Amino acid sequence: MTLEAQTIARACGKSHVHNLEPEDLVALTVEAAAMAKVPLAGTDWVPGSKSHE
């Protein structure tokens, strides 16, 4: 799991997992986006956010 997290960080252009920021995270499903309060992949829409209702 550590290697996977490091690979994800590098894919985001970060040199280390600790450099990942909330803005680097997206969800693959509407349900996951709503629970994690992160955008749905490919959009800037966060389900349940007041700015997009």
N, C-alpha and C. Protein backbone atom coordinates (compact mmCIF):
# COMPACT_ATOMS: atom_id res chain seq x y z
N MET A 1 0.82 -1.18 0.00
CA MET A 1 0.00 0.00 0.00
C MET A 1 0.87 1.26 0.00
N THR A 2 1.99 1.21 0.68
CA THR A 2 2.89 2.35 0.70
C THR A 2 3.41 2.66 -0.70
N LEU A 3 3.78 1.63 -1.44
CA LEU A 3 4.27 1.85 -2.80
C LEU A 3 3.17 2.44 -3.69
N GLU A 4 1.95 1.99 -3.50
CA GLU A 4 0.84 2.54 -4.28
C GLU A 4 0.63 4.02 -3.96
N ALA A 5 0.70 4.38 -2.70
CA ALA A 5 0.54 5.78 -2.31
C ALA A 5 1.67 6.63 -2.89
N GLN A 6 2.89 6.12 -2.88
CA GLN A 6 4.02 6.85 -3.46
C GLN A 6 3.83 7.03 -4.96
N THR A 7 3.32 6.01 -5.63
CA THR A 7 3.05 6.09 -7.07
C THR A 7 1.99 7.14 -7.36
N ILE A 8 0.95 7.18 -6.55
CA ILE A 8 -0.10 8.18 -6.72
C ILE A 8 0.48 9.58 -6.53
N ALA A 9 1.31 9.76 -5.51
CA ALA A 9 1.92 11.07 -5.27
C ALA A 9 2.75 11.50 -6.47
N ARG A 10 3.55 10.60 -7.01
CA ARG A 10 4.37 10.93 -8.18
C ARG A 10 3.50 11.27 -9.38
N ALA A 11 2.40 10.55 -9.54
CA ALA A 11 1.48 10.82 -10.66
C ALA A 11 0.86 12.21 -10.54
N CYS A 12 0.76 12.71 -9.32
CA CYS A 12 0.23 14.06 -9.09
C CYS A 12 1.34 15.11 -9.16
N GLY A 13 2.56 14.68 -9.47
CA GLY A 13 3.68 15.61 -9.56
C GLY A 13 4.31 15.96 -8.23
N LYS A 14 4.04 15.16 -7.23
CA LYS A 14 4.58 15.41 -5.89
C LYS A 14 5.77 14.49 -5.65
N SER A 15 6.74 14.98 -4.88
CA SER A 15 7.93 14.18 -4.61
C SER A 15 7.74 13.21 -3.45
N HIS A 16 6.71 13.42 -2.63
CA HIS A 16 6.50 12.58 -1.46
C HIS A 16 5.01 12.57 -1.11
N VAL A 17 4.56 11.49 -0.51
CA VAL A 17 3.16 11.35 -0.09
C VAL A 17 2.74 12.51 0.81
N HIS A 18 3.65 12.95 1.66
CA HIS A 18 3.32 14.05 2.58
C HIS A 18 3.05 15.36 1.86
N ASN A 19 3.42 15.46 0.60
CA ASN A 19 3.19 16.67 -0.18
C ASN A 19 1.82 16.70 -0.85
N LEU A 20 1.08 15.59 -0.75
CA LEU A 20 -0.27 15.58 -1.32
C LEU A 20 -1.16 16.54 -0.54
N GLU A 21 -2.03 17.22 -1.26
CA GLU A 21 -2.95 18.18 -0.65
C GLU A 21 -4.38 17.78 -0.98
N PRO A 22 -5.34 18.29 -0.24
CA PRO A 22 -6.74 17.96 -0.53
C PRO A 22 -7.12 18.22 -1.98
N GLU A 23 -6.53 19.25 -2.58
CA GLU A 23 -6.83 19.58 -3.98
C GLU A 23 -6.38 18.49 -4.95
N ASP A 24 -5.51 17.59 -4.51
CA ASP A 24 -5.04 16.49 -5.35
C ASP A 24 -6.01 15.31 -5.38
N LEU A 25 -7.01 15.33 -4.51
CA LEU A 25 -7.91 14.20 -4.37
C LEU A 25 -9.20 14.37 -5.16
N VAL A 26 -9.66 13.30 -5.78
CA VAL A 26 -10.96 13.24 -6.44
C VAL A 26 -11.57 11.88 -6.15
N ALA A 27 -12.86 11.76 -6.37
CA ALA A 27 -13.55 10.49 -6.16
C ALA A 27 -14.04 9.95 -7.50
N LEU A 28 -14.17 8.63 -7.57
CA LEU A 28 -14.61 7.98 -8.81
C LEU A 28 -16.11 7.77 -8.88
N THR A 29 -16.79 7.88 -7.74
CA THR A 29 -18.25 7.74 -7.74
C THR A 29 -18.88 8.92 -7.01
N VAL A 30 -20.13 9.20 -7.32
CA VAL A 30 -20.85 10.28 -6.65
C VAL A 30 -20.92 10.02 -5.15
N GLU A 31 -21.16 8.77 -4.78
CA GLU A 31 -21.27 8.43 -3.36
C GLU A 31 -19.96 8.70 -2.62
N ALA A 32 -18.84 8.29 -3.21
CA ALA A 32 -17.54 8.51 -2.58
C ALA A 32 -17.23 10.00 -2.51
N ALA A 33 -17.57 10.74 -3.54
CA ALA A 33 -17.34 12.19 -3.54
C ALA A 33 -18.12 12.86 -2.42
N ALA A 34 -19.37 12.44 -2.25
CA ALA A 34 -20.21 13.02 -1.19
C ALA A 34 -19.67 12.69 0.19
N MET A 35 -19.26 11.45 0.39
CA MET A 35 -18.74 11.05 1.71
C MET A 35 -17.42 11.73 2.04
N ALA A 36 -16.53 11.83 1.06
CA ALA A 36 -15.20 12.40 1.30
C ALA A 36 -15.16 13.91 1.13
N LYS A 37 -16.26 14.47 0.59
CA LYS A 37 -16.32 15.92 0.33
C LYS A 37 -15.19 16.37 -0.59
N VAL A 38 -14.97 15.58 -1.64
CA VAL A 38 -13.99 15.92 -2.68
C VAL A 38 -14.71 15.89 -4.02
N PRO A 39 -14.13 16.53 -5.06
CA PRO A 39 -14.81 16.57 -6.35
C PRO A 39 -14.92 15.19 -7.01
N LEU A 40 -15.95 15.05 -7.81
CA LEU A 40 -16.09 13.88 -8.65
C LEU A 40 -15.04 13.98 -9.75
N ALA A 41 -14.35 12.90 -10.05
CA ALA A 41 -13.28 12.91 -11.04
C ALA A 41 -13.76 13.52 -12.36
N GLY A 42 -12.94 14.40 -12.92
CA GLY A 42 -13.25 15.04 -14.18
C GLY A 42 -14.15 16.26 -14.07
N THR A 43 -14.51 16.62 -12.84
CA THR A 43 -15.36 17.79 -12.62
C THR A 43 -14.82 18.59 -11.44
N ASP A 44 -15.44 19.72 -11.18
CA ASP A 44 -15.14 20.45 -9.95
C ASP A 44 -16.32 20.38 -8.98
N TRP A 45 -17.26 19.46 -9.27
CA TRP A 45 -18.48 19.30 -8.49
C TRP A 45 -18.27 18.42 -7.28
N VAL A 46 -18.60 18.96 -6.12
CA VAL A 46 -18.59 18.20 -4.87
C VAL A 46 -20.04 17.98 -4.48
N PRO A 47 -20.55 16.75 -4.57
CA PRO A 47 -21.95 16.51 -4.23
C PRO A 47 -22.29 16.99 -2.82
N GLY A 48 -23.38 17.75 -2.74
CA GLY A 48 -23.81 18.27 -1.44
C GLY A 48 -23.25 19.63 -1.10
N SER A 49 -22.30 20.13 -1.92
CA SER A 49 -21.74 21.44 -1.62
C SER A 49 -22.76 22.52 -2.01
N LYS A 50 -22.84 23.55 -1.21
CA LYS A 50 -23.81 24.60 -1.43
C LYS A 50 -23.46 25.46 -2.65
N SER A 51 -22.20 25.50 -3.05
CA SER A 51 -21.81 26.35 -4.17
C SER A 51 -22.31 25.83 -5.51
N HIS A 52 -22.73 24.56 -5.58
CA HIS A 52 -23.18 24.00 -6.85
C HIS A 52 -24.63 23.56 -6.83
N GLU A 53 -25.37 23.89 -5.76
CA GLU A 53 -26.77 23.47 -5.69
C GLU A 53 -27.67 24.45 -6.41
